[in-house]
Amino acid sequence: MKRVPGSKLRASVAALALTAGGIVAVQAIAAPAQAGCYESNYGSPVQVYVGGVKRGVEQLRSPETCNRNGVYYGKISDTYTDGSCLAVRYYDPAYVGTQGTSCDSAGYNYTFWDQNGNVWADFRGQLTATGALSTNYYNGAY
C-alpha cells in the first residue's frame, strides 16, 4: 500500500469535524429547555409553549440578572391572544410559586429570589384558565 502524505491528517480532521458536528447537534436539541442566564453572562428569551402552542415569552429585564447573586429579574409576556393569561411558576427545592402573570404582550415584570443559595431553579409557564403547564425550563447562574 502506497502512503499518501497528509492522508492521516485529513482523516483525523474529517473525524474531528464529524464529532464536532454531532456535539453541535446535541447542543441545539438541548437549548430550548435552558433559559435565562444558564451558565453565561447574558440572557436569552424563552419561547413558552403549552400544549404545542406558543403562549408567551419569558426574558430578562435587567443586566444585573446574570451575576450569580441569587436574584433573577424577569419578565413574562402573554403573546397568544385568546383571552387567557400566562403565569410563570418557579420550582426551587421546597418552594413552588407563581412569580408573575401576564394577560397581554406588554408583559409583567417580576423578581425571583433564590430559595436555597445555589442560584439554580426551574420554571414553567402555566395557563391561568386551565392550569395547563409548559415544559420545564432550567434557569441557572442568575
C-alpha atoms as a PDB file:
ATOM      1  CA  MET A   1       0.000   0.000   0.000  1.00  0.00           C
ATOM      2  CA  LYS A   2       1.398   3.361  -1.026  1.00  0.00           C
ATOM      3  CA  ARG A   3       1.483   6.079   1.636  1.00  0.00           C
ATOM      4  CA  VAL A   4      -0.141   9.355   0.621  1.00  0.00           C
ATOM      5  CA  PRO A   5       1.391  12.321   2.500  1.00  0.00           C
ATOM      6  CA  GLY A   6      -1.089  14.044   4.794  1.00  0.00           C
ATOM      7  CA  SER A   7      -3.789  11.378   4.459  1.00  0.00           C
ATOM      8  CA  LYS A   8      -3.779  10.609   8.204  1.00  0.00           C
ATOM      9  CA  LEU A   9      -4.081  14.303   8.949  1.00  0.00           C
ATOM     10  CA  ARG A  10      -7.047  14.660   6.566  1.00  0.00           C
ATOM     11  CA  ALA A  11      -8.712  11.603   8.096  1.00  0.00           C
ATOM     12  CA  SER A  12      -8.195  12.985  11.616  1.00  0.00           C
ATOM     13  CA  VAL A  13      -9.594  16.384  10.652  1.00  0.00           C
ATOM     14  CA  ALA A  14     -12.612  14.729   8.997  1.00  0.00           C
ATOM     15  CA  ALA A  15     -13.254  12.580  12.093  1.00  0.00           C
ATOM     16  CA  LEU A  16     -12.970  15.622  14.348  1.00  0.00           C
ATOM     17  CA  ALA A  17     -15.373  17.577  12.139  1.00  0.00           C
ATOM     18  CA  LEU A  18     -17.926  14.759  12.301  1.00  0.00           C
ATOM     19  CA  THR A  19     -17.565  14.551  16.069  1.00  0.00           C
ATOM     20  CA  ALA A  20     -17.905  18.328  16.492  1.00  0.00           C
ATOM     21  CA  GLY A  21     -20.953  18.316  14.238  1.00  0.00           C
ATOM     22  CA  GLY A  22     -22.567  15.682  16.458  1.00  0.00           C
ATOM     23  CA  ILE A  23     -21.857  17.756  19.546  1.00  0.00           C
ATOM     24  CA  VAL A  24     -23.376  20.850  17.973  1.00  0.00           C
ATOM     25  CA  ALA A  25     -26.496  18.883  17.061  1.00  0.00           C
ATOM     26  CA  VAL A  26     -26.887  17.659  20.649  1.00  0.00           C
ATOM     27  CA  GLN A  27     -26.481  21.190  21.993  1.00  0.00           C
ATOM     28  CA  ALA A  28     -29.025  22.560  19.537  1.00  0.00           C
ATOM     29  CA  ILE A  29     -31.576  19.992  20.685  1.00  0.00           C
ATOM     30  CA  ALA A  30     -30.949  20.694  24.390  1.00  0.00           C
ATOM     31  CA  ALA A  31     -31.032  24.503  24.113  1.00  0.00           C
ATOM     32  CA  PRO A  32     -34.829  25.080  24.195  1.00  0.00           C
ATOM     33  CA  ALA A  33     -35.082  23.627  27.723  1.00  0.00           C
ATOM     34  CA  GLN A  34     -32.431  26.013  29.024  1.00  0.00           C
ATOM     35  CA  ALA A  35     -33.331  29.547  29.911  1.00  0.00           C
ATOM     36  CA  GLY A  36     -32.189  32.857  31.236  1.00  0.00           C
ATOM     37  CA  CYS A  37     -28.572  33.034  32.334  1.00  0.00           C
ATOM     38  CA  TYR A  38     -27.750  29.315  32.155  1.00  0.00           C
ATOM     39  CA  GLU A  39     -24.035  29.440  32.982  1.00  0.00           C
ATOM     40  CA  SER A  40     -23.360  32.549  30.954  1.00  0.00           C
ATOM     41  CA  ASN A  41     -23.169  36.278  31.445  1.00  0.00           C
ATOM     42  CA  TYR A  42     -26.091  37.051  29.180  1.00  0.00           C
ATOM     43  CA  GLY A  43     -29.693  36.043  28.914  1.00  0.00           C
ATOM     44  CA  SER A  44     -31.808  34.716  26.123  1.00  0.00           C
ATOM     45  CA  PRO A  45     -35.603  34.909  25.749  1.00  0.00           C
ATOM     46  CA  VAL A  46     -37.507  31.654  26.190  1.00  0.00           C
ATOM     47  CA  GLN A  47     -40.445  30.877  23.947  1.00  0.00           C
ATOM     48  CA  VAL A  48     -43.027  29.321  26.303  1.00  0.00           C
ATOM     49  CA  TYR A  49     -45.123  26.573  24.703  1.00  0.00           C
ATOM     50  CA  VAL A  50     -48.124  24.942  26.377  1.00  0.00           C
ATOM     51  CA  GLY A  51     -49.745  22.042  24.560  1.00  0.00           C
ATOM     52  CA  GLY A  52     -47.583  22.642  21.498  1.00  0.00           C
ATOM     53  CA  VAL A  53     -48.784  26.256  21.096  1.00  0.00           C
ATOM     54  CA  LYS A  54     -46.558  29.260  21.732  1.00  0.00           C
ATOM     55  CA  ARG A  55     -48.267  31.102  24.584  1.00  0.00           C
ATOM     56  CA  GLY A  56     -45.669  33.669  25.528  1.00  0.00           C
ATOM     57  CA  VAL A  57     -42.104  34.757  26.154  1.00  0.00           C
ATOM     58  CA  GLU A  58     -40.034  34.818  29.342  1.00  0.00           C
ATOM     59  CA  GLN A  59     -36.998  37.090  29.314  1.00  0.00           C
ATOM     60  CA  LEU A  60     -34.538  39.011  31.452  1.00  0.00           C
ATOM     61  CA  ARG A  61     -35.311  42.611  32.284  1.00  0.00           C
ATOM     62  CA  SER A  62     -32.053  43.693  33.915  1.00  0.00           C
ATOM     63  CA  PRO A  63     -28.355  43.282  33.054  1.00  0.00           C
ATOM     64  CA  GLU A  64     -27.790  42.594  36.772  1.00  0.00           C
ATOM     65  CA  THR A  65     -29.667  39.296  36.498  1.00  0.00           C
ATOM     66  CA  CYS A  66     -26.751  37.086  35.410  1.00  0.00           C
ATOM     67  CA  ASN A  67     -24.223  37.993  38.104  1.00  0.00           C
ATOM     68  CA  ARG A  68     -24.772  34.947  40.352  1.00  0.00           C
ATOM     69  CA  ASN A  69     -26.157  36.978  43.276  1.00  0.00           C
ATOM     70  CA  GLY A  70     -29.302  34.829  43.578  1.00  0.00           C
ATOM     71  CA  VAL A  71     -31.751  37.413  42.236  1.00  0.00           C
ATOM     72  CA  TYR A  72     -33.475  36.895  38.882  1.00  0.00           C
ATOM     73  CA  TYR A  73     -35.165  39.904  37.282  1.00  0.00           C
ATOM     74  CA  GLY A  74     -37.566  38.538  34.715  1.00  0.00           C
ATOM     75  CA  LYS A  75     -40.500  39.459  32.534  1.00  0.00           C
ATOM     76  CA  ILE A  76     -43.321  37.196  31.401  1.00  0.00           C
ATOM     77  CA  SER A  77     -45.406  38.199  28.372  1.00  0.00           C
ATOM     78  CA  ASP A  78     -48.570  36.507  27.128  1.00  0.00           C
ATOM     79  CA  THR A  79     -48.331  36.706  23.336  1.00  0.00           C
ATOM     80  CA  TYR A  80     -51.270  34.440  22.460  1.00  0.00           C
ATOM     81  CA  THR A  81     -54.455  36.479  22.032  1.00  0.00           C
ATOM     82  CA  ASP A  82     -57.097  34.037  23.230  1.00  0.00           C
ATOM     83  CA  GLY A  83     -58.209  35.952  26.338  1.00  0.00           C
ATOM     84  CA  SER A  84     -56.301  33.718  28.751  1.00  0.00           C
ATOM     85  CA  CYS A  85     -53.312  34.715  30.885  1.00  0.00           C
ATOM     86  CA  LEU A  86     -49.872  33.157  31.265  1.00  0.00           C
ATOM     87  CA  ALA A  87     -48.188  32.799  34.653  1.00  0.00           C
ATOM     88  CA  VAL A  88     -44.562  31.925  35.369  1.00  0.00           C
ATOM     89  CA  ARG A  89     -44.112  29.373  38.185  1.00  0.00           C
ATOM     90  CA  TYR A  90     -40.745  28.767  39.832  1.00  0.00           C
ATOM     91  CA  TYR A  91     -39.577  25.472  41.318  1.00  0.00           C
ATOM     92  CA  ASP A  92     -36.685  25.631  43.761  1.00  0.00           C
ATOM     93  CA  PRO A  93     -36.217  22.840  46.331  1.00  0.00           C
ATOM     94  CA  ALA A  94     -39.006  23.079  48.918  1.00  0.00           C
ATOM     95  CA  TYR A  95     -40.543  26.061  47.053  1.00  0.00           C
ATOM     96  CA  VAL A  96     -43.108  26.269  44.273  1.00  0.00           C
ATOM     97  CA  GLY A  97     -44.726  29.582  43.497  1.00  0.00           C
ATOM     98  CA  THR A  98     -46.108  31.923  40.865  1.00  0.00           C
ATOM     99  CA  GLN A  99     -43.816  34.894  40.325  1.00  0.00           C
ATOM    100  CA  GLY A 100     -45.883  36.842  37.838  1.00  0.00           C
ATOM    101  CA  THR A 101     -48.842  36.688  35.480  1.00  0.00           C
ATOM    102  CA  SER A 102     -49.347  38.451  32.162  1.00  0.00           C
ATOM    103  CA  CYS A 103     -52.526  38.730  30.125  1.00  0.00           C
ATOM    104  CA  ASP A 104     -51.044  40.603  27.137  1.00  0.00           C
ATOM    105  CA  SER A 105     -47.882  41.203  25.128  1.00  0.00           C
ATOM    106  CA  ALA A 106     -46.930  44.210  27.304  1.00  0.00           C
ATOM    107  CA  GLY A 107     -45.908  41.675  29.938  1.00  0.00           C
ATOM    108  CA  TYR A 108     -45.340  41.693  33.670  1.00  0.00           C
ATOM    109  CA  ASN A 109     -42.009  42.351  35.417  1.00  0.00           C
ATOM    110  CA  TYR A 110     -41.186  40.051  38.332  1.00  0.00           C
ATOM    111  CA  THR A 111     -38.307  39.266  40.673  1.00  0.00           C
ATOM    112  CA  PHE A 112     -37.374  35.793  41.915  1.00  0.00           C
ATOM    113  CA  TRP A 113     -35.056  35.385  44.913  1.00  0.00           C
ATOM    114  CA  ASP A 114     -33.216  32.081  45.065  1.00  0.00           C
ATOM    115  CA  GLN A 115     -34.579  29.973  47.918  1.00  0.00           C
ATOM    116  CA  ASN A 116     -31.600  27.749  48.737  1.00  0.00           C
ATOM    117  CA  GLY A 117     -28.466  29.686  47.798  1.00  0.00           C
ATOM    118  CA  ASN A 118     -27.399  27.686  44.735  1.00  0.00           C
ATOM    119  CA  VAL A 119     -28.597  30.165  42.012  1.00  0.00           C
ATOM    120  CA  TRP A 120     -30.346  27.359  40.077  1.00  0.00           C
ATOM    121  CA  ALA A 121     -34.103  26.961  39.653  1.00  0.00           C
ATOM    122  CA  ASP A 122     -36.641  25.625  37.181  1.00  0.00           C
ATOM    123  CA  PHE A 123     -39.671  27.446  35.872  1.00  0.00           C
ATOM    124  CA  ARG A 124     -42.756  26.592  33.854  1.00  0.00           C
ATOM    125  CA  GLY A 125     -45.388  28.628  32.099  1.00  0.00           C
ATOM    126  CA  GLN A 126     -48.940  27.993  33.275  1.00  0.00           C
ATOM    127  CA  LEU A 127     -52.257  28.946  31.678  1.00  0.00           C
ATOM    128  CA  THR A 128     -54.362  30.543  34.399  1.00  0.00           C
ATOM    129  CA  ALA A 129     -57.681  29.483  32.848  1.00  0.00           C
ATOM    130  CA  THR A 130     -56.942  25.747  32.683  1.00  0.00           C
ATOM    131  CA  GLY A 131     -53.849  25.212  34.841  1.00  0.00           C
ATOM    132  CA  ALA A 132     -52.059  23.562  31.900  1.00  0.00           C
ATOM    133  CA  LEU A 133     -48.255  23.702  32.220  1.00  0.00           C
ATOM    134  CA  SER A 134     -45.420  24.159  29.753  1.00  0.00           C
ATOM    135  CA  THR A 135     -42.332  22.014  29.687  1.00  0.00           C
ATOM    136  CA  ASN A 136     -39.795  22.558  32.448  1.00  0.00           C
ATOM    137  CA  TYR A 137     -37.156  25.228  31.734  1.00  0.00           C
ATOM    138  CA  TYR A 138     -33.835  25.218  33.582  1.00  0.00           C
ATOM    139  CA  ASN A 139     -32.515  28.551  34.762  1.00  0.00           C
ATOM    140  CA  GLY A 140     -29.078  28.846  36.314  1.00  0.00           C
ATOM    141  CA  ALA A 141     -26.294  31.242  37.283  1.00  0.00           C
ATOM    142  CA  TYR A 142     -28.636  34.144  37.983  1.00  0.00           C
END
